[in-house]
Amino acid sequence: MTSEKIEPLAAQKSSTTVDTGISVGVRRRRRFVPRSKVGRLISGAAFLCLLAGGLWYNQHRSMSWSQTLNPFYWVGRFRGDDLYLVDKAMLQHGNRSLPEVALTFDDGPHTESRAQILDTLKKYGIHATFFDVGMRMALSPDLVRRTLAEGHEEANHSSTHQRLDVLTDKERHREINEADITYCRITGKHLAYLRPPGMRYNDIVLHDTREAGYIVVGYTTASRDFDPTESAAFIVDRTCERTENGSIILLHDYAATAGALPAILERLQKSGFRFVTISEMIDHLPAHPHAAAEKFLFAQDPTGLADPPPHP
């Protein structure tokens, strides 16, 4: 008899404890939920505005989310230390006070697109920087010569487009050096700038590129023109919406890019931007980063034989 009475009491106590816990949890959650209809409407509107702002920023941002959320990045940006990283010999951004951008094209030269890109740039009177692959330079030396003859810059994008951060020291040295050897055989000059394939690098890669005498050039605006599923309109919109003063625009020497290029140039020109090469962008940096970059370049090439000289 005693046990039969105890069990219901225990069950009742347990049920009361559970109910109390649920009740407390509900009350706690209700503290954060506006009780009035007007309050709920205001909260909903604020959430939608925050969501819309985030989507707009994601569409127009010229930096990664990791940079956006990193307070140390903003401190460095305020001081101007993020434009050129002296210890890494790396250009990340142009002068934010000047309405100029640098067009860069990776992965060429391709016979199906380089000539059309050069024709378009010539039509609009614009110079760009081409990060070319050694094995493709060897296949199309005339396109390399034409690129230089029309006032553009050539830069190193490795010999066979391998990711430098996964190679051995010997393999990485070969990837970097053989592209320059190929270029020198074609032009009699050496390369001064380098962009790692896929922008894949680590401290070891940056140490090796610096030791080899290169300024590594990053990018701020990725056009995603490497994706064959993207339309020309998408490439144009993404490029132009994410461009700001001092942007380094990453394009590719592809047929789709060649088709989208006129619209990109016209839209950016209407927005008031002028176009510069990487050498010109470095020349227009604020005093401190400009002096550091020029000092590094001069130390590698005091005779001025490297490509390219700055445009007047």
C-alpha atoms as a PDB file:
ATOM      1  CA  MET A   1       0.000   0.000   0.000  1.00  0.00           C
ATOM      2  CA  THR A   2       2.759   2.367   0.922  1.00  0.00           C
ATOM      3  CA  SER A   3       4.650   1.875  -2.309  1.00  0.00           C
ATOM      4  CA  GLU A   4       1.473   2.390  -4.351  1.00  0.00           C
ATOM      5  CA  LYS A   5       0.973   5.821  -2.735  1.00  0.00           C
ATOM      6  CA  ILE A   6       4.616   6.860  -3.123  1.00  0.00           C
ATOM      7  CA  GLU A   7       4.789   6.282  -6.876  1.00  0.00           C
ATOM      8  CA  PRO A   8       2.031   8.711  -7.833  1.00  0.00           C
ATOM      9  CA  LEU A   9       3.545  11.324  -5.517  1.00  0.00           C
ATOM     10  CA  ALA A  10       6.953  10.912  -7.145  1.00  0.00           C
ATOM     11  CA  ALA A  11       5.431  11.104 -10.579  1.00  0.00           C
ATOM     12  CA  GLN A  12       3.501  14.193  -9.566  1.00  0.00           C
ATOM     13  CA  LYS A  13       6.662  15.815  -8.201  1.00  0.00           C
ATOM     14  CA  SER A  14       8.571  14.993 -11.379  1.00  0.00           C
ATOM     15  CA  SER A  15       5.757  16.382 -13.512  1.00  0.00           C
ATOM     16  CA  THR A  16       5.686  19.551 -11.432  1.00  0.00           C
ATOM     17  CA  THR A  17       9.441  19.956 -11.846  1.00  0.00           C
ATOM     18  CA  VAL A  18       9.210  19.507 -15.613  1.00  0.00           C
ATOM     19  CA  ASP A  19       6.284  21.894 -15.880  1.00  0.00           C
ATOM     20  CA  THR A  20       8.100  24.443 -13.772  1.00  0.00           C
ATOM     21  CA  GLY A  21      11.219  24.137 -15.918  1.00  0.00           C
ATOM     22  CA  ILE A  22       9.221  24.600 -19.090  1.00  0.00           C
ATOM     23  CA  SER A  23       7.389  27.536 -17.604  1.00  0.00           C
ATOM     24  CA  VAL A  24      10.627  29.215 -16.552  1.00  0.00           C
ATOM     25  CA  GLY A  25      12.113  28.638 -20.002  1.00  0.00           C
ATOM     26  CA  VAL A  26       9.053  30.117 -21.692  1.00  0.00           C
ATOM     27  CA  ARG A  27       9.132  33.141 -19.413  1.00  0.00           C
ATOM     28  CA  ARG A  28      12.818  33.700 -20.170  1.00  0.00           C
ATOM     29  CA  ARG A  29      12.246  33.546 -23.910  1.00  0.00           C
ATOM     30  CA  ARG A  30       9.319  35.936 -23.658  1.00  0.00           C
ATOM     31  CA  ARG A  31      11.584  38.569 -22.190  1.00  0.00           C
ATOM     32  CA  PHE A  32      13.165  38.992 -25.628  1.00  0.00           C
ATOM     33  CA  VAL A  33       9.892  38.994 -27.589  1.00  0.00           C
ATOM     34  CA  PRO A  34       7.979  42.304 -27.755  1.00  0.00           C
ATOM     35  CA  ARG A  35       4.521  41.881 -26.250  1.00  0.00           C
ATOM     36  CA  SER A  36       2.708  44.508 -28.297  1.00  0.00           C
ATOM     37  CA  LYS A  37       1.826  44.159 -31.953  1.00  0.00           C
ATOM     38  CA  VAL A  38       3.639  47.402 -32.772  1.00  0.00           C
ATOM     39  CA  GLY A  39       6.767  46.138 -31.039  1.00  0.00           C
ATOM     40  CA  ARG A  40       6.697  42.909 -33.025  1.00  0.00           C
ATOM     41  CA  LEU A  41       6.251  44.854 -36.272  1.00  0.00           C
ATOM     42  CA  ILE A  42       9.195  47.102 -35.439  1.00  0.00           C
ATOM     43  CA  SER A  43      11.376  44.101 -34.575  1.00  0.00           C
ATOM     44  CA  GLY A  44      10.403  42.342 -37.795  1.00  0.00           C
ATOM     45  CA  ALA A  45      11.144  45.446 -39.860  1.00  0.00           C
ATOM     46  CA  ALA A  46      14.520  45.856 -38.160  1.00  0.00           C
ATOM     47  CA  PHE A  47      15.385  42.226 -38.902  1.00  0.00           C
ATOM     48  CA  LEU A  48      14.411  42.610 -42.555  1.00  0.00           C
ATOM     49  CA  CYS A  49      16.476  45.810 -42.845  1.00  0.00           C
ATOM     50  CA  LEU A  50      19.466  44.036 -41.302  1.00  0.00           C
ATOM     51  CA  LEU A  51      19.047  41.097 -43.678  1.00  0.00           C
ATOM     52  CA  ALA A  52      18.693  43.380 -46.711  1.00  0.00           C
ATOM     53  CA  GLY A  53      21.751  45.374 -45.636  1.00  0.00           C
ATOM     54  CA  GLY A  54      23.785  42.188 -45.278  1.00  0.00           C
ATOM     55  CA  LEU A  55      22.727  40.970 -48.719  1.00  0.00           C
ATOM     56  CA  TRP A  56      23.519  44.364 -50.266  1.00  0.00           C
ATOM     57  CA  TYR A  57      26.936  44.441 -48.606  1.00  0.00           C
ATOM     58  CA  ASN A  58      27.706  40.907 -49.739  1.00  0.00           C
ATOM     59  CA  GLN A  59      26.898  41.910 -53.309  1.00  0.00           C
ATOM     60  CA  HIS A  60      28.970  45.117 -53.255  1.00  0.00           C
ATOM     61  CA  ARG A  61      31.761  44.342 -50.793  1.00  0.00           C
ATOM     62  CA  SER A  62      35.366  44.750 -51.919  1.00  0.00           C
ATOM     63  CA  MET A  63      36.868  42.744 -49.065  1.00  0.00           C
ATOM     64  CA  SER A  64      36.376  39.286 -47.590  1.00  0.00           C
ATOM     65  CA  TRP A  65      34.059  38.617 -44.658  1.00  0.00           C
ATOM     66  CA  SER A  66      37.089  37.635 -42.571  1.00  0.00           C
ATOM     67  CA  GLN A  67      38.533  41.116 -43.160  1.00  0.00           C
ATOM     68  CA  THR A  68      35.204  42.793 -42.517  1.00  0.00           C
ATOM     69  CA  LEU A  69      34.849  41.134 -39.115  1.00  0.00           C
ATOM     70  CA  ASN A  70      38.502  41.466 -38.096  1.00  0.00           C
ATOM     71  CA  PRO A  71      39.142  44.566 -35.926  1.00  0.00           C
ATOM     72  CA  PHE A  72      42.906  44.343 -36.563  1.00  0.00           C
ATOM     73  CA  TYR A  73      42.242  44.683 -40.296  1.00  0.00           C
ATOM     74  CA  TRP A  74      40.355  47.941 -39.702  1.00  0.00           C
ATOM     75  CA  VAL A  75      43.160  49.302 -37.535  1.00  0.00           C
ATOM     76  CA  GLY A  76      45.670  48.511 -40.293  1.00  0.00           C
ATOM     77  CA  ARG A  77      43.369  49.947 -42.933  1.00  0.00           C
ATOM     78  CA  PHE A  78      42.953  53.183 -40.969  1.00  0.00           C
ATOM     79  CA  ARG A  79      46.753  53.500 -40.795  1.00  0.00           C
ATOM     80  CA  GLY A  80      47.180  52.569 -44.484  1.00  0.00           C
ATOM     81  CA  ASP A  81      49.268  49.506 -43.613  1.00  0.00           C
ATOM     82  CA  ASP A  82      47.032  47.177 -45.629  1.00  0.00           C
ATOM     83  CA  LEU A  83      47.931  48.602 -49.066  1.00  0.00           C
ATOM     84  CA  TYR A  84      51.445  47.186 -49.332  1.00  0.00           C
ATOM     85  CA  LEU A  85      52.766  44.626 -46.840  1.00  0.00           C
ATOM     86  CA  VAL A  86      56.410  45.551 -46.488  1.00  0.00           C
ATOM     87  CA  ASP A  87      57.563  42.378 -44.715  1.00  0.00           C
ATOM     88  CA  LYS A  88      55.916  40.183 -47.362  1.00  0.00           C
ATOM     89  CA  ALA A  89      56.528  42.402 -50.430  1.00  0.00           C
ATOM     90  CA  MET A  90      52.839  42.105 -51.287  1.00  0.00           C
ATOM     91  CA  LEU A  91      50.546  44.659 -52.942  1.00  0.00           C
ATOM     92  CA  GLN A  92      46.968  44.268 -51.730  1.00  0.00           C
ATOM     93  CA  HIS A  93      45.250  47.519 -52.701  1.00  0.00           C
ATOM     94  CA  GLY A  94      45.843  50.802 -54.482  1.00  0.00           C
ATOM     95  CA  ASN A  95      45.514  54.325 -53.132  1.00  0.00           C
ATOM     96  CA  ARG A  96      41.996  54.744 -51.736  1.00  0.00           C
ATOM     97  CA  SER A  97      42.074  58.502 -52.264  1.00  0.00           C
ATOM     98  CA  LEU A  98      42.450  58.160 -56.047  1.00  0.00           C
ATOM     99  CA  PRO A  99      39.648  57.112 -58.450  1.00  0.00           C
ATOM    100  CA  GLU A 100      41.863  54.588 -60.221  1.00  0.00           C
ATOM    101  CA  VAL A 101      41.742  50.811 -60.635  1.00  0.00           C
ATOM    102  CA  ALA A 102      44.096  48.199 -62.048  1.00  0.00           C
ATOM    103  CA  LEU A 103      42.839  45.650 -64.560  1.00  0.00           C
ATOM    104  CA  THR A 104      44.665  42.325 -64.269  1.00  0.00           C
ATOM    105  CA  PHE A 105      44.200  39.234 -66.420  1.00  0.00           C
ATOM    106  CA  ASP A 106      45.322  35.768 -65.294  1.00  0.00           C
ATOM    107  CA  ASP A 107      46.063  32.441 -66.988  1.00  0.00           C
ATOM    108  CA  GLY A 108      46.970  33.570 -70.529  1.00  0.00           C
ATOM    109  CA  PRO A 109      47.960  34.046 -73.153  1.00  0.00           C
ATOM    110  CA  HIS A 110      45.110  32.170 -74.863  1.00  0.00           C
ATOM    111  CA  THR A 111      44.885  32.426 -78.647  1.00  0.00           C
ATOM    112  CA  GLU A 112      41.076  32.470 -78.567  1.00  0.00           C
ATOM    113  CA  SER A 113      40.832  35.525 -76.304  1.00  0.00           C
ATOM    114  CA  ARG A 114      44.062  37.540 -75.928  1.00  0.00           C
ATOM    115  CA  ALA A 115      43.854  39.279 -79.309  1.00  0.00           C
ATOM    116  CA  GLN A 116      40.224  40.317 -78.678  1.00  0.00           C
ATOM    117  CA  ILE A 117      41.103  41.625 -75.197  1.00  0.00           C
ATOM    118  CA  LEU A 118      44.021  43.614 -76.599  1.00  0.00           C
ATOM    119  CA  ASP A 119      41.817  45.034 -79.364  1.00  0.00           C
ATOM    120  CA  THR A 120      39.260  46.184 -76.799  1.00  0.00           C
ATOM    121  CA  LEU A 121      41.855  47.753 -74.510  1.00  0.00           C
ATOM    122  CA  LYS A 122      43.398  49.560 -77.469  1.00  0.00           C
ATOM    123  CA  LYS A 123      39.992  50.877 -78.539  1.00  0.00           C
ATOM    124  CA  TYR A 124      39.405  52.405 -75.097  1.00  0.00           C
ATOM    125  CA  GLY A 125      42.995  53.557 -74.617  1.00  0.00           C
ATOM    126  CA  ILE A 126      43.530  51.448 -71.497  1.00  0.00           C
ATOM    127  CA  HIS A 127      46.609  49.589 -70.254  1.00  0.00           C
ATOM    128  CA  ALA A 128      46.409  46.445 -68.120  1.00  0.00           C
ATOM    129  CA  THR A 129      48.667  43.898 -66.428  1.00  0.00           C
ATOM    130  CA  PHE A 130      48.696  40.291 -67.634  1.00  0.00           C
ATOM    131  CA  PHE A 131      49.743  37.513 -65.254  1.00  0.00           C
ATOM    132  CA  ASP A 132      50.745  34.916 -67.809  1.00  0.00           C
ATOM    133  CA  VAL A 133      51.658  31.240 -67.512  1.00  0.00           C
ATOM    134  CA  GLY A 134      55.106  30.225 -68.744  1.00  0.00           C
ATOM    135  CA  MET A 135      54.043  27.237 -70.834  1.00  0.00           C
ATOM    136  CA  ARG A 136      51.406  29.366 -72.597  1.00  0.00           C
ATOM    137  CA  MET A 137      53.907  32.151 -73.242  1.00  0.00           C
ATOM    138  CA  ALA A 138      56.118  29.568 -74.921  1.00  0.00           C
ATOM    139  CA  LEU A 139      53.220  28.518 -77.167  1.00  0.00           C
ATOM    140  CA  SER A 140      52.235  32.091 -78.127  1.00  0.00           C
ATOM    141  CA  PRO A 141      55.353  34.308 -78.026  1.00  0.00           C
ATOM    142  CA  ASP A 142      53.857  36.695 -80.589  1.00  0.00           C
ATOM    143  CA  LEU A 143      50.967  37.459 -78.243  1.00  0.00           C
ATOM    144  CA  VAL A 144      53.445  38.232 -75.461  1.00  0.00           C
ATOM    145  CA  ARG A 145      55.364  40.594 -77.739  1.00  0.00           C
ATOM    146  CA  ARG A 146      52.158  42.273 -78.895  1.00  0.00           C
ATOM    147  CA  THR A 147      51.019  42.715 -75.292  1.00  0.00           C
ATOM    148  CA  LEU A 148      54.230  44.585 -74.466  1.00  0.00           C
ATOM    149  CA  ALA A 149      54.290  46.535 -77.724  1.00  0.00           C
ATOM    150  CA  GLU A 150      50.833  47.974 -76.963  1.00  0.00           C
ATOM    151  CA  GLY A 151      51.924  49.305 -73.571  1.00  0.00           C
ATOM    152  CA  HIS A 152      50.694  46.589 -71.236  1.00  0.00           C
ATOM    153  CA  GLU A 153      52.580  44.821 -68.460  1.00  0.00           C
ATOM    154  CA  GLU A 154      53.519  41.175 -68.191  1.00  0.00           C
ATOM    155  CA  ALA A 155      53.780  39.388 -64.853  1.00  0.00           C
ATOM    156  CA  ASN A 156      54.506  35.891 -63.524  1.00  0.00           C
ATOM    157  CA  HIS A 157      51.686  33.384 -62.951  1.00  0.00           C
ATOM    158  CA  SER A 158      53.977  30.334 -62.625  1.00  0.00           C
ATOM    159  CA  SER A 159      55.250  27.999 -65.304  1.00  0.00           C
ATOM    160  CA  THR A 160      52.496  25.355 -65.402  1.00  0.00           C
ATOM    161  CA  HIS A 161      49.817  26.861 -63.127  1.00  0.00           C
ATOM    162  CA  GLN A 162      50.405  24.585 -60.150  1.00  0.00           C
ATOM    163  CA  ARG A 163      49.397  25.616 -56.621  1.00  0.00           C
ATOM    164  CA  LEU A 164      52.599  26.861 -55.054  1.00  0.00           C
ATOM    165  CA  ASP A 165      51.625  26.126 -51.464  1.00  0.00           C
ATOM    166  CA  VAL A 166      51.569  22.331 -51.984  1.00  0.00           C
ATOM    167  CA  LEU A 167      54.878  22.018 -53.851  1.00  0.00           C
ATOM    168  CA  THR A 168      58.282  21.123 -52.484  1.00  0.00           C
ATOM    169  CA  ASP A 169      60.871  23.888 -52.267  1.00  0.00           C
ATOM    170  CA  LYS A 170      62.539  22.629 -55.434  1.00  0.00           C
ATOM    171  CA  GLU A 171      59.266  22.324 -57.354  1.00  0.00           C
ATOM    172  CA  ARG A 172      58.134  25.785 -56.248  1.00  0.00           C
ATOM    173  CA  HIS A 173      61.422  27.347 -57.324  1.00  0.00           C
ATOM    174  CA  ARG A 174      61.095  25.680 -60.728  1.00  0.00           C
ATOM    175  CA  GLU A 175      57.485  26.888 -61.161  1.00  0.00           C
ATOM    176  CA  ILE A 176      58.479  30.472 -60.473  1.00  0.00           C
ATOM    177  CA  ASN A 177      61.851  30.584 -62.186  1.00  0.00           C
ATOM    178  CA  GLU A 178      61.025  28.767 -65.415  1.00  0.00           C
ATOM    179  CA  ALA A 179      58.195  31.204 -66.212  1.00  0.00           C
ATOM    180  CA  ASP A 180      60.689  34.054 -65.960  1.00  0.00           C
ATOM    181  CA  ILE A 181      63.229  32.165 -68.086  1.00  0.00           C
ATOM    182  CA  THR A 182      60.591  31.651 -70.797  1.00  0.00           C
ATOM    183  CA  TYR A 183      59.642  35.308 -70.691  1.00  0.00           C
ATOM    184  CA  CYS A 184      63.279  36.389 -70.876  1.00  0.00           C
ATOM    185  CA  ARG A 185      63.872  34.209 -73.935  1.00  0.00           C
ATOM    186  CA  ILE A 186      60.966  35.949 -75.685  1.00  0.00           C
ATOM    187  CA  THR A 187      61.593  39.537 -74.612  1.00  0.00           C
ATOM    188  CA  GLY A 188      65.089  39.811 -73.147  1.00  0.00           C
ATOM    189  CA  LYS A 189      63.562  41.144 -69.909  1.00  0.00           C
ATOM    190  CA  HIS A 190      62.640  39.771 -66.496  1.00  0.00           C
ATOM    191  CA  LEU A 191      59.367  39.802 -64.576  1.00  0.00           C
ATOM    192  CA  ALA A 192      58.869  41.936 -61.468  1.00  0.00           C
ATOM    193  CA  TYR A 193      55.376  40.942 -60.257  1.00  0.00           C
ATOM    194  CA  LEU A 194      53.841  37.577 -59.424  1.00  0.00           C
ATOM    195  CA  ARG A 195      50.409  36.245 -58.561  1.00  0.00           C
ATOM    196  CA  PRO A 196      50.270  32.670 -57.229  1.00  0.00           C
ATOM    197  CA  PRO A 197      47.816  30.441 -59.145  1.00  0.00           C
ATOM    198  CA  GLY A 198      44.491  30.364 -57.343  1.00  0.00           C
ATOM    199  CA  MET A 199      45.942  33.052 -55.046  1.00  0.00           C
ATOM    200  CA  ARG A 200      47.120  30.106 -52.955  1.00  0.00           C
ATOM    201  CA  TYR A 201      50.023  31.035 -50.727  1.00  0.00           C
ATOM    202  CA  ASN A 202      51.393  30.703 -47.215  1.00  0.00           C
ATOM    203  CA  ASP A 203      54.348  32.173 -45.330  1.00  0.00           C
ATOM    204  CA  ILE A 204      56.774  29.823 -47.085  1.00  0.00           C
ATOM    205  CA  VAL A 205      55.524  30.863 -50.532  1.00  0.00           C
ATOM    206  CA  LEU A 206      55.758  34.556 -49.633  1.00  0.00           C
ATOM    207  CA  HIS A 207      59.261  34.048 -48.269  1.00  0.00           C
ATOM    208  CA  ASP A 208      60.333  32.371 -51.523  1.00  0.00           C
ATOM    209  CA  THR A 209      58.744  34.995 -53.785  1.00  0.00           C
ATOM    210  CA  ARG A 210      60.373  37.775 -51.801  1.00  0.00           C
ATOM    211  CA  GLU A 211      63.752  36.030 -51.965  1.00  0.00           C
ATOM    212  CA  ALA A 212      63.269  35.623 -55.721  1.00  0.00           C
ATOM    213  CA  GLY A 213      62.712  39.391 -56.024  1.00  0.00           C
ATOM    214  CA  TYR A 214      58.966  39.522 -56.750  1.00  0.00           C
ATOM    215  CA  ILE A 215      56.235  41.735 -55.443  1.00  0.00           C
ATOM    216  CA  VAL A 216      53.200  39.490 -55.031  1.00  0.00           C
ATOM    217  CA  VAL A 217      50.020  41.138 -56.302  1.00  0.00           C
ATOM    218  CA  GLY A 218      46.701  40.255 -54.726  1.00  0.00           C
ATOM    219  CA  TYR A 219      43.251  41.389 -55.808  1.00  0.00           C
ATOM    220  CA  THR A 220      40.249  43.126 -54.297  1.00  0.00           C
ATOM    221  CA  THR A 221      37.591  42.440 -56.929  1.00  0.00           C
ATOM    222  CA  ALA A 222      37.031  38.870 -58.119  1.00  0.00           C
ATOM    223  CA  SER A 223      34.827  38.756 -61.198  1.00  0.00           C
ATOM    224  CA  ARG A 224      34.214  34.983 -61.132  1.00  0.00           C
ATOM    225  CA  ASP A 225      34.717  34.943 -64.887  1.00  0.00           C
ATOM    226  CA  PHE A 226      36.441  31.559 -64.526  1.00  0.00           C
ATOM    227  CA  ASP A 227      33.038  29.922 -63.940  1.00  0.00           C
ATOM    228  CA  PRO A 228      31.623  28.793 -67.315  1.00  0.00           C
ATOM    229  CA  THR A 229      28.085  28.834 -65.914  1.00  0.00           C
ATOM    230  CA  GLU A 230      28.150  32.579 -65.250  1.00  0.00           C
ATOM    231  CA  SER A 231      26.711  34.950 -67.848  1.00  0.00           C
ATOM    232  CA  ALA A 232      28.411  38.029 -69.268  1.00  0.00           C
ATOM    233  CA  ALA A 233      25.865  40.194 -67.429  1.00  0.00           C
ATOM    234  CA  PHE A 234      26.800  38.558 -64.113  1.00  0.00           C
ATOM    235  CA  ILE A 235      30.522  39.152 -64.759  1.00  0.00           C
ATOM    236  CA  VAL A 236      29.884  42.807 -65.579  1.00  0.00           C
ATOM    237  CA  ASP A 237      27.626  43.426 -62.565  1.00  0.00           C
ATOM    238  CA  ARG A 238      29.846  41.617 -60.058  1.00  0.00           C
ATOM    239  CA  THR A 239      32.958  43.422 -61.289  1.00  0.00           C
ATOM    240  CA  CYS A 240      31.496  46.910 -61.332  1.00  0.00           C
ATOM    241  CA  GLU A 241      29.487  46.646 -58.125  1.00  0.00           C
ATOM    242  CA  ARG A 242      32.553  45.559 -56.114  1.00  0.00           C
ATOM    243  CA  THR A 243      34.970  48.151 -57.473  1.00  0.00           C
ATOM    244  CA  GLU A 244      36.161  51.090 -55.388  1.00  0.00           C
ATOM    245  CA  ASN A 245      39.072  53.539 -55.442  1.00  0.00           C
ATOM    246  CA  GLY A 246      42.304  51.565 -55.642  1.00  0.00           C
ATOM    247  CA  SER A 247      40.731  48.250 -56.586  1.00  0.00           C
ATOM    248  CA  ILE A 248      42.806  45.524 -58.195  1.00  0.00           C
ATOM    249  CA  ILE A 249      40.374  43.746 -60.504  1.00  0.00           C
ATOM    250  CA  LEU A 250      40.938  40.047 -61.159  1.00  0.00           C
ATOM    251  CA  LEU A 251      39.841  38.917 -64.627  1.00  0.00           C
ATOM    252  CA  HIS A 252      40.986  36.023 -66.786  1.00  0.00           C
ATOM    253  CA  ASP A 253      42.245  35.707 -70.325  1.00  0.00           C
ATOM    254  CA  TYR A 254      39.118  33.801 -71.383  1.00  0.00           C
ATOM    255  CA  ALA A 255      36.635  34.205 -74.232  1.00  0.00           C
ATOM    256  CA  ALA A 256      33.744  35.005 -71.864  1.00  0.00           C
ATOM    257  CA  THR A 257      35.795  37.777 -70.289  1.00  0.00           C
ATOM    258  CA  ALA A 258      36.703  39.195 -73.683  1.00  0.00           C
ATOM    259  CA  GLY A 259      32.996  39.434 -74.473  1.00  0.00           C
ATOM    260  CA  ALA A 260      32.138  41.148 -71.193  1.00  0.00           C
ATOM    261  CA  LEU A 261      35.105  43.534 -71.197  1.00  0.00           C
ATOM    262  CA  PRO A 262      33.624  46.454 -73.216  1.00  0.00           C
ATOM    263  CA  ALA A 263      30.656  46.741 -70.858  1.00  0.00           C
ATOM    264  CA  ILE A 264      32.961  46.612 -67.821  1.00  0.00           C
ATOM    265  CA  LEU A 265      35.178  49.389 -69.176  1.00  0.00           C
ATOM    266  CA  GLU A 266      32.293  51.634 -70.179  1.00  0.00           C
ATOM    267  CA  ARG A 267      30.477  51.236 -66.876  1.00  0.00           C
ATOM    268  CA  LEU A 268      33.576  51.902 -64.768  1.00  0.00           C
ATOM    269  CA  GLN A 269      34.529  54.905 -66.886  1.00  0.00           C
ATOM    270  CA  LYS A 270      31.029  56.331 -66.433  1.00  0.00           C
ATOM    271  CA  SER A 271      31.521  55.879 -62.680  1.00  0.00           C
ATOM    272  CA  GLY A 272      34.597  58.104 -62.902  1.00  0.00           C
ATOM    273  CA  PHE A 273      37.357  55.517 -62.630  1.00  0.00           C
ATOM    274  CA  ARG A 274      40.577  55.639 -64.639  1.00  0.00           C
ATOM    275  CA  PHE A 275      42.680  52.572 -65.359  1.00  0.00           C
ATOM    276  CA  VAL A 276      46.314  52.039 -64.388  1.00  0.00           C
ATOM    277  CA  THR A 277      48.875  49.259 -64.555  1.00  0.00           C
ATOM    278  CA  ILE A 278      50.293  47.652 -61.430  1.00  0.00           C
ATOM    279  CA  SER A 279      53.472  49.717 -61.801  1.00  0.00           C
ATOM    280  CA  GLU A 280      51.422  52.905 -61.967  1.00  0.00           C
ATOM    281  CA  MET A 281      49.340  51.824 -58.994  1.00  0.00           C
ATOM    282  CA  ILE A 282      52.510  51.319 -56.938  1.00  0.00           C
ATOM    283  CA  ASP A 283      53.819  54.675 -58.142  1.00  0.00           C
ATOM    284  CA  HIS A 284      50.613  56.344 -56.907  1.00  0.00           C
ATOM    285  CA  LEU A 285      50.596  54.786 -53.424  1.00  0.00           C
ATOM    286  CA  PRO A 286      50.851  57.065 -50.385  1.00  0.00           C
ATOM    287  CA  ALA A 287      54.392  58.089 -49.459  1.00  0.00           C
ATOM    288  CA  HIS A 288      55.329  55.324 -46.998  1.00  0.00           C
ATOM    289  CA  PRO A 289      54.127  52.227 -48.908  1.00  0.00           C
ATOM    290  CA  HIS A 290      55.292  53.755 -52.195  1.00  0.00           C
ATOM    291  CA  ALA A 291      58.829  54.282 -50.871  1.00  0.00           C
ATOM    292  CA  ALA A 292      58.946  50.745 -49.446  1.00  0.00           C
ATOM    293  CA  ALA A 293      57.796  49.127 -52.698  1.00  0.00           C
ATOM    294  CA  GLU A 294      60.127  51.213 -54.869  1.00  0.00           C
ATOM    295  CA  LYS A 295      63.062  50.432 -52.560  1.00  0.00           C
ATOM    296  CA  PHE A 296      62.333  46.711 -52.875  1.00  0.00           C
ATOM    297  CA  LEU A 297      62.035  46.840 -56.676  1.00  0.00           C
ATOM    298  CA  PHE A 298      65.225  48.862 -57.056  1.00  0.00           C
ATOM    299  CA  ALA A 299      67.134  46.414 -54.860  1.00  0.00           C
ATOM    300  CA  GLN A 300      66.138  43.588 -57.211  1.00  0.00           C
ATOM    301  CA  ASP A 301      66.778  45.486 -60.450  1.00  0.00           C
ATOM    302  CA  PRO A 302      69.062  48.524 -60.080  1.00  0.00           C
ATOM    303  CA  THR A 303      69.742  48.503 -63.851  1.00  0.00           C
ATOM    304  CA  GLY A 304      66.046  48.801 -64.778  1.00  0.00           C
ATOM    305  CA  LEU A 305      66.074  45.732 -67.030  1.00  0.00           C
ATOM    306  CA  ALA A 306      63.020  44.129 -65.473  1.00  0.00           C
ATOM    307  CA  ASP A 307      59.614  44.527 -67.029  1.00  0.00           C
ATOM    308  CA  PRO A 308      57.870  46.870 -66.822  1.00  0.00           C
ATOM    309  CA  PRO A 309      58.955  50.504 -66.508  1.00  0.00           C
ATOM    310  CA  PRO A 310      56.228  52.832 -65.218  1.00  0.00           C
ATOM    311  CA  HIS A 311      54.176  54.579 -67.890  1.00  0.00           C
ATOM    312  CA  PRO A 312      54.587  58.356 -68.060  1.00  0.00           C
END
